[in-house]
Amino acid sequence: MACKKCDPHEICEECPEWIFTLADLIMCMMGLFVILWVLKPSPGKEETPQAQAQTDEWLETVGEIRGGFGWQPDPTSSDRVDQLMIKKKLRQQGAGEGGETTIERKGAEGTDPLVTSIRNGKQAIVGGKLLFDLGDATLSRETTRALDQIASQIRGHRNIVLVKGHTSLDDLGEDGAGSAQEKMDLSLRRAQAVADYLVAHGVEPDILRVQGCGTFEPVIQRAYQANAQAQNRRVEVEVTAQLVSERQDSGPKLPTSSAR
C-alpha cells in the first residue's frame, strides 16, 4: 500500500512504481470473480425455459470463444460448456436423442444385426443367419418367416443372388462323424431348400446360384460345448453387384440374309 505522506499518483522512495499496477490488477481480478459469481445459476433452483435458453446461449458463446483458441470439448467432462458443445455437435451430425440414429433402417429382420461374410466381395447379405437343426435340411418356422422378408427384398431384381449352405462339425454326429462329402451334400440340400422356397414366393430362378460350402466357412470355431456349433448350421443369402445379363451367354449371332 502507498504511504500516507505521499500522493497516490506521485512516486516516492517508499512506494515503488509497480505497486500501483499490482493494485489495479487485483481490483480487476476481484471484479471478474464477482461477475462470474453473479452469472452462476443458484443451486437448488430450477431455471425457467427462458432462463435456460439464455444460459445455454451464454455457454455456447463461451464454447465458441474457447474453440477459437483450439479448444475441443471433452465428452467425459462434467463442465456444462463441454456438455453443451457435445450435444450441439451431435445435433449437427444428425444423431437423435441418446445417440441413436434417426435414419430409418430398411431390410429383412433377423436374429443377428449382421451376418459374418467369409469371402469379401461386392455383395450385400440379406437378413440374418437361416439356421437348421442337427443333420436336417428342413425349413423351420423362424427360417420361413425370415425368408418371406428376404423374398420381398430381392423379388423383381436382376442381380445374381448366392444361396450358400453350411454345415457344422457335429452335424452328422459327435467327434466330427460323417465324411466331408456327406457334410457337403447336407449343406447343398439346405441351400436348395432355401432356393426352392424363394422361387415358390416369386423370386426368379435364373438369378439364384445355389452353393454348398460344407464345413469350410465356419463362423464359430473351436467351440466344444453342447450345441455351440449351432451358428454354423446355416444358409446365407448374398446379393451380388453382378447382373444376370452380364453373365449370360447371348449365343452366336445368326447371319442375316440380304433382301433381293
Protein backbone atom coordinates (compact mmCIF):
# COMPACT_ATOMS: atom_id res chain seq x y z
CA MET A 1 0.00 0.00 0.00
CA ALA A 2 1.11 3.58 -0.54
CA CYS A 3 2.39 5.53 2.43
CA LYS A 4 0.14 8.22 3.90
CA LYS A 5 2.56 11.08 3.40
CA CYS A 6 2.78 10.83 -0.40
CA ASP A 7 0.29 11.46 -3.17
CA PRO A 8 -1.09 8.22 -4.78
CA HIS A 9 -0.12 9.46 -8.24
CA GLU A 10 3.41 10.50 -7.27
CA ILE A 11 6.32 8.14 -6.89
CA CYS A 12 8.47 8.21 -3.80
CA GLU A 13 11.24 6.06 -2.47
CA GLU A 14 8.94 4.24 -0.02
CA CYS A 15 6.28 3.43 -2.73
CA PRO A 16 7.79 1.76 -5.85
CA GLU A 17 6.05 2.23 -9.19
CA TRP A 18 4.96 -1.44 -9.63
CA ILE A 19 2.81 -1.47 -6.52
CA PHE A 20 0.16 0.69 -8.19
CA THR A 21 -0.01 -1.66 -11.20
CA LEU A 22 -0.39 -4.64 -8.87
CA ALA A 23 -3.24 -2.95 -7.02
CA ASP A 24 -5.10 -2.26 -10.29
CA LEU A 25 -4.63 -5.90 -11.39
CA ILE A 26 -6.00 -7.24 -8.11
CA MET A 27 -9.06 -5.00 -8.43
CA CYS A 28 -9.72 -6.25 -11.98
CA MET A 29 -9.47 -9.87 -10.86
CA MET A 30 -11.88 -9.27 -7.99
CA GLY A 31 -14.33 -7.64 -10.39
CA LEU A 32 -14.11 -10.65 -12.75
CA PHE A 33 -14.81 -13.09 -9.90
CA VAL A 34 -17.84 -11.05 -8.85
CA ILE A 35 -19.23 -11.14 -12.42
CA LEU A 36 -18.72 -14.91 -12.66
CA TRP A 37 -20.40 -15.43 -9.29
CA VAL A 38 -23.42 -13.37 -10.36
CA LEU A 39 -23.79 -15.27 -13.63
CA LYS A 40 -23.60 -18.68 -11.91
CA PRO A 41 -27.10 -20.28 -11.53
CA SER A 42 -28.30 -20.61 -7.97
CA PRO A 43 -28.09 -24.22 -6.74
CA GLY A 44 -31.33 -25.99 -5.91
CA LYS A 45 -33.46 -23.68 -8.10
CA GLU A 46 -34.93 -24.79 -11.41
CA GLU A 47 -34.43 -22.37 -14.25
CA THR A 48 -37.35 -21.27 -16.34
CA PRO A 49 -37.25 -22.25 -20.05
CA GLN A 50 -36.40 -18.66 -20.94
CA ALA A 51 -33.61 -18.51 -18.38
CA GLN A 52 -32.33 -21.93 -19.51
CA ALA A 53 -32.23 -20.72 -23.12
CA GLN A 54 -30.28 -17.63 -22.08
CA THR A 55 -27.86 -19.77 -20.06
CA ASP A 56 -27.35 -22.16 -22.99
CA GLU A 57 -26.75 -19.23 -25.31
CA TRP A 58 -24.16 -17.84 -22.89
CA LEU A 59 -22.45 -21.23 -22.52
CA GLU A 60 -22.44 -21.70 -26.29
CA THR A 61 -20.78 -18.31 -26.69
CA VAL A 62 -18.14 -19.31 -24.15
CA GLY A 63 -17.58 -22.57 -26.06
CA GLU A 64 -17.16 -20.73 -29.37
CA ILE A 65 -14.64 -18.38 -27.75
CA ARG A 66 -12.72 -21.36 -26.41
CA GLY A 67 -12.87 -23.01 -29.82
CA GLY A 68 -11.15 -20.00 -31.32
CA PHE A 69 -8.09 -20.91 -29.25
CA GLY A 70 -8.07 -24.56 -30.41
CA TRP A 71 -10.15 -25.99 -27.53
CA GLN A 72 -12.04 -29.25 -28.11
CA PRO A 73 -14.94 -30.35 -25.86
CA ASP A 74 -14.27 -33.38 -23.66
CA PRO A 75 -17.13 -35.97 -23.69
CA THR A 76 -16.11 -37.18 -20.21
CA SER A 77 -16.04 -33.72 -18.63
CA SER A 78 -18.74 -32.52 -16.23
CA ASP A 79 -18.26 -28.93 -17.39
CA ARG A 80 -21.53 -27.52 -18.75
CA VAL A 81 -19.75 -25.87 -21.65
CA ASP A 82 -18.27 -29.21 -22.74
CA GLN A 83 -21.62 -30.96 -22.42
CA LEU A 84 -23.48 -28.28 -24.37
CA MET A 85 -20.97 -28.26 -27.24
CA ILE A 86 -21.02 -32.09 -27.45
CA LYS A 87 -24.82 -32.02 -27.77
CA LYS A 88 -24.57 -29.34 -30.44
CA LYS A 89 -22.16 -31.48 -32.48
CA LEU A 90 -24.47 -34.49 -32.19
CA ARG A 91 -27.41 -32.44 -33.47
CA GLN A 92 -25.35 -31.21 -36.41
CA GLN A 93 -24.36 -34.80 -37.30
CA GLY A 94 -28.00 -35.95 -37.38
CA ALA A 95 -27.93 -38.00 -34.19
CA GLY A 96 -31.14 -38.49 -32.24
CA GLU A 97 -31.80 -38.49 -28.54
CA GLY A 98 -29.46 -40.71 -26.59
CA GLY A 99 -27.07 -41.04 -29.52
CA GLU A 100 -29.44 -43.25 -31.52
CA THR A 101 -29.64 -42.64 -35.24
CA THR A 102 -32.82 -41.23 -36.71
CA ILE A 103 -32.18 -42.89 -40.08
CA GLU A 104 -34.85 -45.45 -40.88
CA ARG A 105 -33.44 -48.95 -41.13
CA LYS A 106 -34.68 -50.94 -44.11
CA GLY A 107 -34.19 -54.62 -44.77
CA ALA A 108 -35.15 -58.02 -43.52
CA GLU A 109 -35.28 -58.50 -39.78
CA GLY A 110 -33.17 -61.24 -38.28
CA THR A 111 -31.81 -62.56 -35.02
CA ASP A 112 -28.40 -61.07 -35.81
CA PRO A 113 -27.67 -57.42 -36.64
CA LEU A 114 -25.01 -58.54 -39.12
CA VAL A 115 -24.09 -61.72 -40.91
CA THR A 116 -20.47 -62.81 -40.99
CA SER A 117 -19.20 -62.85 -44.56
CA ILE A 118 -16.23 -65.16 -45.04
CA ARG A 119 -15.37 -64.16 -48.60
CA ASN A 120 -15.12 -60.44 -49.18
CA GLY A 121 -16.66 -59.03 -52.31
CA LYS A 122 -19.12 -56.54 -53.77
CA GLN A 123 -22.20 -58.13 -52.30
CA ALA A 124 -24.78 -57.48 -49.60
CA ILE A 125 -26.03 -60.14 -47.22
CA VAL A 126 -29.79 -60.03 -46.69
CA GLY A 127 -31.37 -60.86 -43.35
CA GLY A 128 -29.82 -62.86 -40.53
CA LYS A 129 -28.49 -66.40 -40.49
CA LEU A 130 -31.05 -69.01 -41.54
CA LEU A 131 -30.40 -71.77 -39.03
CA PHE A 132 -31.14 -75.51 -39.19
CA ASP A 133 -31.35 -78.40 -36.73
CA LEU A 134 -28.68 -81.06 -36.44
CA GLY A 135 -28.37 -83.11 -39.61
CA ASP A 136 -31.58 -81.62 -41.03
CA ALA A 137 -32.38 -79.59 -44.14
CA THR A 138 -35.99 -78.81 -43.21
CA LEU A 139 -37.01 -75.17 -43.02
CA SER A 140 -38.22 -74.13 -39.57
CA ARG A 141 -40.98 -71.63 -38.88
CA GLU A 142 -38.45 -68.94 -37.93
CA THR A 143 -36.49 -69.61 -41.12
CA THR A 144 -39.55 -69.34 -43.39
CA ARG A 145 -40.56 -66.10 -41.65
CA ALA A 146 -37.15 -64.63 -42.43
CA LEU A 147 -37.29 -65.98 -45.99
CA ASP A 148 -40.61 -64.20 -46.58
CA GLN A 149 -38.90 -60.89 -45.81
CA ILE A 150 -35.87 -61.79 -47.92
CA ALA A 151 -38.09 -62.70 -50.88
CA SER A 152 -39.82 -59.32 -50.68
CA GLN A 153 -36.41 -57.62 -50.81
CA ILE A 154 -34.97 -59.41 -53.86
CA ARG A 155 -38.14 -60.13 -55.82
CA GLY A 156 -38.07 -58.38 -59.20
CA HIS A 157 -34.35 -57.58 -59.15
CA ARG A 158 -31.91 -58.97 -61.69
CA ASN A 159 -28.79 -59.16 -59.55
CA ILE A 160 -27.18 -62.56 -59.09
CA VAL A 161 -28.09 -63.97 -55.68
CA LEU A 162 -25.89 -66.56 -53.94
CA VAL A 163 -27.67 -69.09 -51.72
CA LYS A 164 -24.87 -70.65 -49.65
CA GLY A 165 -25.44 -73.64 -47.40
CA HIS A 166 -23.18 -74.57 -44.48
CA THR A 167 -22.80 -77.42 -42.02
CA SER A 168 -21.17 -77.78 -38.60
CA LEU A 169 -18.62 -80.31 -37.43
CA ASP A 170 -21.20 -82.08 -35.24
CA ASP A 171 -23.99 -82.07 -37.85
CA LEU A 172 -23.77 -85.81 -38.57
CA GLY A 173 -22.71 -86.93 -35.12
CA GLU A 174 -20.26 -86.10 -32.37
CA ASP A 175 -16.48 -86.10 -32.78
CA GLY A 176 -16.78 -84.97 -36.41
CA ALA A 177 -18.62 -88.08 -37.61
CA GLY A 178 -19.63 -88.17 -41.26
CA SER A 179 -17.45 -87.74 -44.29
CA ALA A 180 -16.64 -84.42 -45.91
CA GLN A 181 -18.80 -85.39 -48.90
CA GLU A 182 -21.79 -86.15 -46.68
CA LYS A 183 -21.49 -82.78 -44.99
CA MET A 184 -21.13 -81.09 -48.37
CA ASP A 185 -24.29 -82.83 -49.59
CA LEU A 186 -26.18 -81.69 -46.47
CA SER A 187 -25.09 -78.09 -46.96
CA LEU A 188 -26.20 -78.27 -50.59
CA ARG A 189 -29.62 -79.67 -49.59
CA ARG A 190 -30.07 -76.80 -47.15
CA ALA A 191 -29.21 -74.23 -49.79
CA GLN A 192 -31.52 -75.89 -52.30
CA ALA A 193 -34.40 -75.89 -49.79
CA VAL A 194 -33.96 -72.14 -49.31
CA ALA A 195 -33.74 -71.54 -53.08
CA ASP A 196 -36.90 -73.59 -53.70
CA TYR A 197 -38.78 -71.59 -51.10
CA LEU A 198 -37.67 -68.28 -52.66
CA VAL A 199 -38.73 -69.43 -56.13
CA ALA A 200 -42.11 -70.51 -54.77
CA HIS A 201 -42.56 -66.98 -53.41
CA GLY A 202 -41.93 -65.07 -56.61
CA VAL A 203 -38.16 -64.90 -56.94
CA GLU A 204 -37.00 -65.66 -60.48
CA PRO A 205 -34.95 -68.88 -60.50
CA ASP A 206 -32.39 -67.69 -63.04
CA ILE A 207 -30.92 -65.16 -60.58
CA LEU A 208 -30.23 -67.79 -57.89
CA ARG A 209 -26.90 -69.59 -57.57
CA VAL A 210 -27.04 -72.49 -55.11
CA GLN A 211 -23.75 -73.35 -53.39
CA GLY A 212 -22.73 -75.96 -50.81
CA CYS A 213 -19.86 -74.91 -48.55
CA GLY A 214 -19.79 -77.85 -46.15
CA THR A 215 -17.77 -77.06 -43.02
CA PHE A 216 -15.18 -74.89 -44.78
CA GLU A 217 -16.59 -71.45 -43.84
CA PRO A 218 -17.47 -71.61 -40.12
CA VAL A 219 -18.43 -68.53 -38.15
CA ILE A 220 -17.82 -70.35 -34.83
CA GLN A 221 -14.50 -72.13 -34.41
CA ARG A 222 -13.00 -74.24 -31.63
CA ALA A 223 -16.30 -74.49 -29.74
CA TYR A 224 -16.64 -77.70 -27.78
CA GLN A 225 -19.69 -77.12 -25.60
CA ALA A 226 -23.03 -78.74 -26.38
CA ASN A 227 -24.79 -77.10 -29.30
CA ALA A 228 -22.00 -74.50 -29.57
CA GLN A 229 -21.73 -75.10 -33.32
CA ALA A 230 -25.39 -74.15 -33.94
CA GLN A 231 -24.45 -70.90 -35.71
CA ASN A 232 -22.55 -72.91 -38.35
CA ARG A 233 -25.66 -74.88 -39.38
CA ARG A 234 -26.92 -72.12 -41.59
CA VAL A 235 -27.77 -70.75 -45.03
CA GLU A 236 -26.81 -67.24 -46.09
CA VAL A 237 -28.40 -65.30 -48.95
CA GLU A 238 -26.00 -62.88 -50.61
CA VAL A 239 -26.96 -60.35 -53.29
CA THR A 240 -24.05 -59.52 -55.56
CA ALA A 241 -23.44 -56.43 -57.68
CA GLN A 242 -23.34 -58.59 -60.83
CA LEU A 243 -26.38 -58.56 -63.10
CA VAL A 244 -27.64 -61.77 -64.67
CA SER A 245 -27.44 -60.25 -68.15
CA GLU A 246 -23.71 -59.65 -67.69
CA ARG A 247 -23.09 -63.37 -67.15
CA GLN A 248 -25.46 -64.90 -69.64
CA ASP A 249 -24.21 -66.08 -72.99
CA SER A 250 -26.20 -64.45 -75.74
CA GLY A 251 -25.11 -67.16 -78.21
CA PRO A 252 -23.75 -66.79 -81.72
CA LYS A 253 -25.47 -64.30 -83.92
CA LEU A 254 -27.13 -65.76 -86.99
CA PRO A 255 -26.24 -64.15 -90.31
CA THR A 256 -28.97 -62.04 -91.77
CA SER A 257 -29.93 -62.59 -95.41
CA SER A 258 -29.94 -59.55 -97.61
CA ALA A 259 -33.18 -58.71 -99.36
CA ARG A 260 -33.28 -59.29 -103.06
